[in-house]
N, C-alpha and C. Protein backbone atom coordinates (compact mmCIF):
# COMPACT_ATOMS: atom_id res chain seq x y z
N MET A 1 139.87 271.71 -13.14
CA MET A 1 139.77 272.59 -14.29
C MET A 1 139.23 273.94 -13.86
N SER A 2 139.84 274.99 -14.37
CA SER A 2 139.44 276.35 -14.03
C SER A 2 138.10 276.69 -14.68
N HIS A 3 137.34 277.52 -14.03
CA HIS A 3 136.06 277.97 -14.57
C HIS A 3 136.24 278.82 -15.83
N PHE A 4 137.39 279.52 -15.92
CA PHE A 4 137.72 280.35 -17.08
C PHE A 4 139.07 279.91 -17.63
N SER A 5 139.25 280.02 -18.94
CA SER A 5 140.56 279.72 -19.52
C SER A 5 141.56 280.80 -19.15
N HIS A 6 141.09 282.04 -19.09
CA HIS A 6 141.91 283.17 -18.65
C HIS A 6 141.07 284.07 -17.76
N HIS A 7 141.64 284.48 -16.65
CA HIS A 7 140.99 285.41 -15.73
C HIS A 7 141.90 286.62 -15.65
N VAL A 8 141.39 287.78 -16.08
CA VAL A 8 142.18 289.00 -16.20
C VAL A 8 141.73 290.01 -15.15
N PHE A 9 142.69 290.49 -14.36
CA PHE A 9 142.40 291.49 -13.34
C PHE A 9 143.10 292.80 -13.70
N PHE A 10 142.32 293.86 -13.82
CA PHE A 10 142.83 295.20 -14.08
C PHE A 10 142.86 295.96 -12.77
N CYS A 11 144.01 296.47 -12.38
CA CYS A 11 144.07 297.35 -11.22
C CYS A 11 143.36 298.65 -11.60
N SER A 12 142.38 299.03 -10.79
CA SER A 12 141.64 300.27 -11.01
C SER A 12 141.68 301.14 -9.77
N ASN A 13 142.73 300.98 -8.99
CA ASN A 13 142.84 301.69 -7.73
C ASN A 13 143.03 303.19 -7.94
N GLN A 14 142.37 303.98 -7.09
CA GLN A 14 142.55 305.43 -7.06
C GLN A 14 143.05 305.80 -5.67
N ARG A 15 144.26 306.30 -5.60
CA ARG A 15 144.82 306.69 -4.30
C ARG A 15 144.35 308.10 -3.95
N PRO A 16 143.88 308.29 -2.74
CA PRO A 16 143.31 309.59 -2.37
C PRO A 16 144.35 310.67 -2.09
N ASN A 17 145.58 310.30 -1.84
CA ASN A 17 146.57 311.30 -1.41
C ASN A 17 147.43 311.84 -2.55
N GLY A 18 147.04 311.60 -3.79
CA GLY A 18 147.78 312.14 -4.92
C GLY A 18 148.95 311.29 -5.39
N GLU A 19 149.20 310.16 -4.72
CA GLU A 19 150.26 309.27 -5.17
C GLU A 19 149.85 308.65 -6.50
N SER A 20 150.85 308.32 -7.32
CA SER A 20 150.59 307.70 -8.60
C SER A 20 149.83 306.40 -8.43
N CYS A 21 148.85 306.17 -9.30
CA CYS A 21 148.07 304.95 -9.25
C CYS A 21 147.55 304.61 -10.64
N CYS A 22 147.08 303.40 -10.81
CA CYS A 22 146.63 302.93 -12.12
C CYS A 22 145.46 303.75 -12.66
N GLN A 23 144.54 304.14 -11.79
CA GLN A 23 143.38 304.89 -12.25
C GLN A 23 143.79 306.25 -12.85
N ASP A 24 144.93 306.79 -12.44
CA ASP A 24 145.42 308.04 -13.03
C ASP A 24 145.73 307.88 -14.51
N HIS A 25 145.86 306.65 -14.96
CA HIS A 25 146.21 306.36 -16.35
C HIS A 25 145.04 305.77 -17.14
N GLY A 26 143.82 305.98 -16.66
CA GLY A 26 142.64 305.53 -17.38
C GLY A 26 142.35 304.05 -17.29
N ALA A 27 142.75 303.41 -16.20
CA ALA A 27 142.60 301.96 -16.06
C ALA A 27 141.14 301.50 -16.17
N ALA A 28 140.21 302.20 -15.56
CA ALA A 28 138.82 301.76 -15.59
C ALA A 28 138.25 301.81 -17.01
N GLU A 29 138.58 302.85 -17.75
CA GLU A 29 138.09 302.98 -19.12
C GLU A 29 138.68 301.90 -20.02
N LEU A 30 139.96 301.60 -19.83
CA LEU A 30 140.59 300.57 -20.65
C LEU A 30 140.14 299.17 -20.25
N ARG A 31 139.80 298.96 -18.98
CA ARG A 31 139.22 297.68 -18.57
C ARG A 31 137.86 297.50 -19.25
N ALA A 32 137.05 298.55 -19.26
CA ALA A 32 135.74 298.47 -19.92
C ALA A 32 135.92 298.17 -21.42
N TYR A 33 136.90 298.79 -22.03
CA TYR A 33 137.18 298.53 -23.44
C TYR A 33 137.59 297.07 -23.66
N ALA A 34 138.45 296.55 -22.79
CA ALA A 34 138.88 295.14 -22.91
C ALA A 34 137.68 294.21 -22.78
N LYS A 35 136.79 294.51 -21.85
CA LYS A 35 135.60 293.69 -21.64
C LYS A 35 134.73 293.70 -22.90
N GLU A 36 134.56 294.87 -23.51
CA GLU A 36 133.79 294.99 -24.76
C GLU A 36 134.42 294.16 -25.87
N ARG A 37 135.74 294.26 -26.01
CA ARG A 37 136.44 293.54 -27.08
C ARG A 37 136.32 292.03 -26.90
N VAL A 38 136.50 291.56 -25.67
CA VAL A 38 136.40 290.12 -25.39
C VAL A 38 135.00 289.62 -25.74
N LYS A 39 133.98 290.39 -25.37
CA LYS A 39 132.60 289.99 -25.70
C LYS A 39 132.38 290.01 -27.21
N ALA A 40 132.83 291.07 -27.87
CA ALA A 40 132.63 291.21 -29.32
C ALA A 40 133.29 290.08 -30.10
N LEU A 41 134.39 289.58 -29.60
CA LEU A 41 135.12 288.51 -30.27
C LEU A 41 134.63 287.11 -29.88
N GLY A 42 133.62 287.05 -29.02
CA GLY A 42 133.07 285.77 -28.59
C GLY A 42 133.98 285.01 -27.64
N LEU A 43 134.82 285.75 -26.93
CA LEU A 43 135.78 285.12 -26.01
C LEU A 43 135.30 285.09 -24.56
N ALA A 44 134.16 285.73 -24.27
CA ALA A 44 133.68 285.84 -22.89
C ALA A 44 132.81 284.66 -22.50
N GLY A 45 132.84 284.32 -21.22
CA GLY A 45 131.93 283.33 -20.68
C GLY A 45 132.63 282.14 -20.05
N THR A 46 131.83 281.24 -19.55
CA THR A 46 132.34 280.04 -18.89
C THR A 46 133.25 279.27 -19.83
N GLY A 47 134.41 278.91 -19.30
CA GLY A 47 135.39 278.18 -20.09
C GLY A 47 136.21 279.06 -21.00
N LYS A 48 135.93 280.36 -20.97
CA LYS A 48 136.62 281.31 -21.85
C LYS A 48 137.31 282.37 -21.00
N VAL A 49 137.11 283.63 -21.33
CA VAL A 49 137.82 284.73 -20.68
C VAL A 49 136.89 285.52 -19.77
N ARG A 50 137.41 285.93 -18.63
CA ARG A 50 136.70 286.81 -17.69
C ARG A 50 137.57 288.02 -17.42
N ILE A 51 137.00 289.21 -17.60
CA ILE A 51 137.70 290.47 -17.31
C ILE A 51 137.12 291.03 -16.01
N ASN A 52 137.99 291.32 -15.03
CA ASN A 52 137.55 291.85 -13.74
C ASN A 52 138.33 293.09 -13.35
N GLN A 53 137.67 293.90 -12.54
CA GLN A 53 138.30 295.05 -11.90
C GLN A 53 138.89 294.58 -10.59
N ALA A 54 140.04 295.11 -10.25
CA ALA A 54 140.66 294.78 -8.97
C ALA A 54 141.01 296.07 -8.23
N GLY A 55 141.15 295.95 -6.94
CA GLY A 55 141.69 297.06 -6.17
C GLY A 55 143.19 297.11 -6.41
N CYS A 56 143.91 297.72 -5.51
CA CYS A 56 145.35 297.88 -5.69
C CYS A 56 146.05 296.53 -5.81
N LEU A 57 146.85 296.38 -6.86
CA LEU A 57 147.64 295.17 -7.06
C LEU A 57 149.09 295.40 -6.65
N ASP A 58 149.36 296.56 -6.02
CA ASP A 58 150.65 296.87 -5.41
C ASP A 58 151.82 296.92 -6.41
N ARG A 59 151.53 297.40 -7.62
CA ARG A 59 152.59 297.59 -8.62
C ARG A 59 152.42 298.97 -9.27
N CYS A 60 152.09 299.95 -8.45
CA CYS A 60 151.76 301.28 -8.94
C CYS A 60 152.88 301.90 -9.78
N ASP A 61 154.11 301.61 -9.44
CA ASP A 61 155.24 302.18 -10.18
C ASP A 61 155.35 301.63 -11.59
N GLN A 62 154.63 300.55 -11.91
CA GLN A 62 154.66 299.95 -13.24
C GLN A 62 153.33 300.15 -13.96
N GLY A 63 152.45 300.93 -13.37
CA GLY A 63 151.08 301.05 -13.85
C GLY A 63 150.89 301.89 -15.08
N PRO A 64 149.73 301.71 -15.66
CA PRO A 64 148.67 300.83 -15.21
C PRO A 64 149.02 299.37 -15.47
N VAL A 65 148.51 298.49 -14.63
CA VAL A 65 148.83 297.07 -14.77
C VAL A 65 147.57 296.20 -14.79
N MET A 66 147.76 295.03 -15.39
CA MET A 66 146.77 293.96 -15.34
C MET A 66 147.54 292.67 -15.18
N VAL A 67 146.87 291.63 -14.69
CA VAL A 67 147.49 290.33 -14.57
C VAL A 67 146.54 289.30 -15.16
N VAL A 68 147.12 288.37 -15.93
CA VAL A 68 146.34 287.33 -16.60
C VAL A 68 146.67 285.98 -15.96
N TYR A 69 145.63 285.34 -15.42
CA TYR A 69 145.77 284.00 -14.86
C TYR A 69 145.10 283.00 -15.79
N PRO A 70 145.59 281.77 -15.86
CA PRO A 70 146.39 281.09 -14.87
C PRO A 70 147.90 281.29 -15.04
N GLU A 71 148.33 281.96 -16.10
CA GLU A 71 149.77 282.10 -16.35
C GLU A 71 150.47 283.06 -15.40
N ALA A 72 149.72 283.92 -14.72
CA ALA A 72 150.27 284.96 -13.85
C ALA A 72 151.21 285.88 -14.62
N ILE A 73 150.77 286.29 -15.80
CA ILE A 73 151.55 287.22 -16.62
C ILE A 73 151.03 288.63 -16.38
N TRP A 74 151.96 289.50 -16.01
CA TRP A 74 151.66 290.90 -15.72
C TRP A 74 151.95 291.74 -16.94
N TYR A 75 151.02 292.66 -17.23
CA TYR A 75 151.18 293.59 -18.34
C TYR A 75 151.00 295.01 -17.88
N THR A 76 151.66 295.91 -18.60
CA THR A 76 151.33 297.33 -18.53
C THR A 76 150.80 297.70 -19.91
N TYR A 77 150.08 298.79 -19.99
CA TYR A 77 149.46 299.20 -21.25
C TYR A 77 149.23 300.70 -21.20
N VAL A 78 149.09 301.33 -22.37
CA VAL A 78 148.85 302.76 -22.37
C VAL A 78 147.62 303.17 -23.17
N ASP A 79 147.15 302.31 -24.07
CA ASP A 79 146.04 302.72 -24.93
C ASP A 79 145.27 301.51 -25.45
N ARG A 80 144.26 301.78 -26.24
CA ARG A 80 143.41 300.72 -26.79
C ARG A 80 144.20 299.77 -27.69
N GLU A 81 145.19 300.28 -28.38
CA GLU A 81 145.99 299.42 -29.24
C GLU A 81 146.73 298.36 -28.43
N ASP A 82 147.23 298.74 -27.25
CA ASP A 82 147.87 297.75 -26.37
C ASP A 82 146.86 296.70 -25.91
N ILE A 83 145.67 297.16 -25.55
CA ILE A 83 144.62 296.23 -25.12
C ILE A 83 144.26 295.28 -26.26
N ASP A 84 144.10 295.83 -27.46
CA ASP A 84 143.79 294.99 -28.62
C ASP A 84 144.85 293.92 -28.83
N GLU A 85 146.11 294.30 -28.68
CA GLU A 85 147.20 293.35 -28.88
C GLU A 85 147.16 292.23 -27.82
N ILE A 86 146.91 292.59 -26.58
CA ILE A 86 146.83 291.58 -25.52
C ILE A 86 145.65 290.65 -25.75
N VAL A 87 144.50 291.21 -26.12
CA VAL A 87 143.31 290.38 -26.37
C VAL A 87 143.56 289.44 -27.54
N GLN A 88 144.05 289.97 -28.66
CA GLN A 88 144.26 289.15 -29.86
C GLN A 88 145.36 288.11 -29.67
N GLU A 89 146.51 288.56 -29.20
CA GLU A 89 147.67 287.68 -29.12
C GLU A 89 147.59 286.71 -27.95
N HIS A 90 147.33 287.23 -26.77
CA HIS A 90 147.37 286.37 -25.58
C HIS A 90 146.03 285.66 -25.33
N LEU A 91 144.96 286.43 -25.19
CA LEU A 91 143.70 285.82 -24.80
C LEU A 91 143.08 284.98 -25.91
N ALA A 92 143.20 285.42 -27.15
CA ALA A 92 142.64 284.65 -28.27
C ALA A 92 143.66 283.67 -28.84
N GLY A 93 144.93 284.09 -28.91
CA GLY A 93 145.93 283.28 -29.59
C GLY A 93 146.86 282.47 -28.71
N GLY A 94 146.84 282.74 -27.40
CA GLY A 94 147.69 281.97 -26.49
C GLY A 94 149.16 282.36 -26.50
N ARG A 95 149.47 283.52 -27.09
CA ARG A 95 150.86 283.98 -27.17
C ARG A 95 151.02 285.25 -26.34
N PRO A 96 151.72 285.18 -25.21
CA PRO A 96 151.95 286.38 -24.40
C PRO A 96 152.62 287.49 -25.22
N VAL A 97 152.31 288.72 -24.89
CA VAL A 97 152.86 289.89 -25.57
C VAL A 97 154.09 290.35 -24.80
N GLU A 98 155.24 289.93 -25.28
CA GLU A 98 156.50 290.17 -24.56
C GLU A 98 156.76 291.67 -24.32
N ARG A 99 156.49 292.51 -25.29
CA ARG A 99 156.84 293.92 -25.17
C ARG A 99 156.04 294.65 -24.09
N LEU A 100 154.92 294.09 -23.65
CA LEU A 100 154.08 294.73 -22.64
C LEU A 100 154.20 294.08 -21.26
N LYS A 101 154.97 293.01 -21.16
CA LYS A 101 155.12 292.34 -19.87
C LYS A 101 155.95 293.17 -18.89
N VAL A 102 155.55 293.11 -17.61
CA VAL A 102 156.32 293.78 -16.55
C VAL A 102 156.71 292.76 -15.49
């Protein structure tokens, strides 16, 4: 049994040479927002949801990206509304958000 029901990794990589990367799209701020929402909804903790920062997940052309395990579902997002939808539908409701999958 997994320690968490869902483990979410947000790519927060910043490339030094000016190449496109997830951090250029506010990934760190939106990861922090997701973490706040998960806690506020009582979804955080052992047996529940864990939100983590990751280095480069090697999908910069689809960024910003996150991946949700154990399902290995990849998402892209642009704003807090997208994060809210992923938290409510997938993490709380168990229904992947098809329109945001990459």
